[in-house]
C-alpha atoms as a PDB file:
ATOM      1  CA  MET A   1     -56.672 127.046  62.006  1.00  0.00           C
ATOM      2  CA  GLY A   2     -56.993 129.176  65.126  1.00  0.00           C
ATOM      3  CA  ASP A   3     -57.467 132.360  63.097  1.00  0.00           C
ATOM      4  CA  SER A   4     -60.792 131.358  61.554  1.00  0.00           C
ATOM      5  CA  ALA A   5     -62.192 130.365  64.946  1.00  0.00           C
ATOM      6  CA  GLU A   6     -61.247 133.751  66.415  1.00  0.00           C
ATOM      7  CA  LYS A   7     -62.747 135.814  63.582  1.00  0.00           C
ATOM      8  CA  GLN A   8     -66.169 134.184  63.765  1.00  0.00           C
ATOM      9  CA  PRO A   9     -67.215 135.494  67.237  1.00  0.00           C
ATOM     10  CA  ARG A  10     -65.952 138.993  66.441  1.00  0.00           C
ATOM     11  CA  THR A  11     -68.101 139.332  63.338  1.00  0.00           C
ATOM     12  CA  GLY A  12     -71.082 138.079  65.291  1.00  0.00           C
ATOM     13  CA  PHE A  13     -70.384 140.640  67.986  1.00  0.00           C
ATOM     14  CA  PHE A  14     -70.237 143.507  65.511  1.00  0.00           C
ATOM     15  CA  ARG A  15     -73.438 142.327  63.826  1.00  0.00           C
ATOM     16  CA  GLY A  16     -75.102 142.408  67.239  1.00  0.00           C
ATOM     17  CA  VAL A  17     -73.781 145.902  67.912  1.00  0.00           C
ATOM     18  CA  LYS A  18     -75.069 147.080  64.528  1.00  0.00           C
ATOM     19  CA  ALA A  19     -78.493 145.580  65.227  1.00  0.00           C
ATOM     20  CA  GLU A  20     -78.653 147.298  68.633  1.00  0.00           C
ATOM     21  CA  PHE A  21     -77.646 150.656  67.142  1.00  0.00           C
ATOM     22  CA  LYS A  22     -80.593 150.413  64.750  1.00  0.00           C
ATOM     23  CA  LYS A  23     -82.922 150.226  67.774  1.00  0.00           C
ATOM     24  CA  ILE A  24     -81.693 153.525  69.252  1.00  0.00           C
ATOM     25  CA  VAL A  25     -84.161 156.411  69.102  1.00  0.00           C
ATOM     26  CA  TRP A  26     -82.217 159.654  69.097  1.00  0.00           C
ATOM     27  CA  PRO A  27     -83.867 162.774  70.586  1.00  0.00           C
ATOM     28  CA  ASP A  28     -84.825 165.604  68.264  1.00  0.00           C
ATOM     29  CA  ARG A  29     -83.104 168.978  68.298  1.00  0.00           C
ATOM     30  CA  GLU A  30     -85.809 170.749  70.330  1.00  0.00           C
ATOM     31  CA  SER A  31     -85.804 168.112  73.066  1.00  0.00           C
ATOM     32  CA  THR A  32     -82.017 168.185  73.270  1.00  0.00           C
ATOM     33  CA  LEU A  33     -82.026 171.986  73.554  1.00  0.00           C
ATOM     34  CA  LYS A  34     -84.668 171.972  76.321  1.00  0.00           C
ATOM     35  CA  GLN A  35     -82.805 169.333  78.307  1.00  0.00           C
ATOM     36  CA  SER A  36     -79.495 171.175  77.903  1.00  0.00           C
ATOM     37  CA  VAL A  37     -81.033 174.433  79.135  1.00  0.00           C
ATOM     38  CA  ALA A  38     -82.540 172.590  82.107  1.00  0.00           C
ATOM     39  CA  VAL A  39     -79.177 171.053  83.019  1.00  0.00           C
ATOM     40  CA  VAL A  40     -77.394 174.414  82.831  1.00  0.00           C
ATOM     41  CA  ALA A  41     -80.115 176.166  84.859  1.00  0.00           C
ATOM     42  CA  ILE A  42     -80.125 173.510  87.577  1.00  0.00           C
ATOM     43  CA  SER A  43     -76.306 173.573  87.691  1.00  0.00           C
ATOM     44  CA  VAL A  44     -76.310 177.339  88.204  1.00  0.00           C
ATOM     45  CA  VAL A  45     -78.962 177.115  90.941  1.00  0.00           C
ATOM     46  CA  VAL A  46     -77.103 174.343  92.764  1.00  0.00           C
ATOM     47  CA  GLY A  47     -73.853 176.316  92.424  1.00  0.00           C
ATOM     48  CA  VAL A  48     -75.470 179.383  93.989  1.00  0.00           C
ATOM     49  CA  ILE A  49     -76.899 177.297  96.839  1.00  0.00           C
ATOM     50  CA  ILE A  50     -73.491 175.739  97.524  1.00  0.00           C
ATOM     51  CA  ALA A  51     -71.827 179.180  97.428  1.00  0.00           C
ATOM     52  CA  LEU A  52     -74.369 180.545  99.935  1.00  0.00           C
ATOM     53  CA  ILE A  53     -73.887 177.597 102.272  1.00  0.00           C
ATOM     54  CA  ASP A  54     -70.113 178.008 101.981  1.00  0.00           C
ATOM     55  CA  TYR A  55     -70.364 181.719 102.786  1.00  0.00           C
ATOM     56  CA  VAL A  56     -72.568 181.091 105.846  1.00  0.00           C
ATOM     57  CA  VAL A  57     -70.288 178.332 107.152  1.00  0.00           C
ATOM     58  CA  LYS A  58     -67.207 180.495 106.552  1.00  0.00           C
ATOM     59  CA  TYR A  59     -68.805 183.404 108.416  1.00  0.00           C
ATOM     60  CA  GLY A  60     -69.828 181.066 111.254  1.00  0.00           C
ATOM     61  CA  VAL A  61     -66.357 179.580 111.621  1.00  0.00           C
ATOM     62  CA  ASN A  62     -64.739 183.020 111.556  1.00  0.00           C
ATOM     63  CA  PHE A  63     -67.202 184.213 114.205  1.00  0.00           C
ATOM     64  CA  LEU A  64     -66.509 181.220 116.453  1.00  0.00           C
ATOM     65  CA  THR A  65     -62.737 181.513 116.129  1.00  0.00           C
ATOM     66  CA  SER A  66     -62.765 185.246 116.917  1.00  0.00           C
ATOM     67  CA  ILE A  67     -64.468 184.750 120.288  1.00  0.00           C
END
């Protein structure tokens, strides 16, 4: 008896998931490529900025400790 009551909500859940997946609009290949290039470029720029800040702070700390 309990088995049939448990299976009913699960099938309804998966039907809902299937209906929501049909609503998804996937990006085309060109858009995905442009966004990926933008993410990589921004990551490199931020990495360089962080490295420069780290170098300046390291130089500053070494200067202050050598006084």
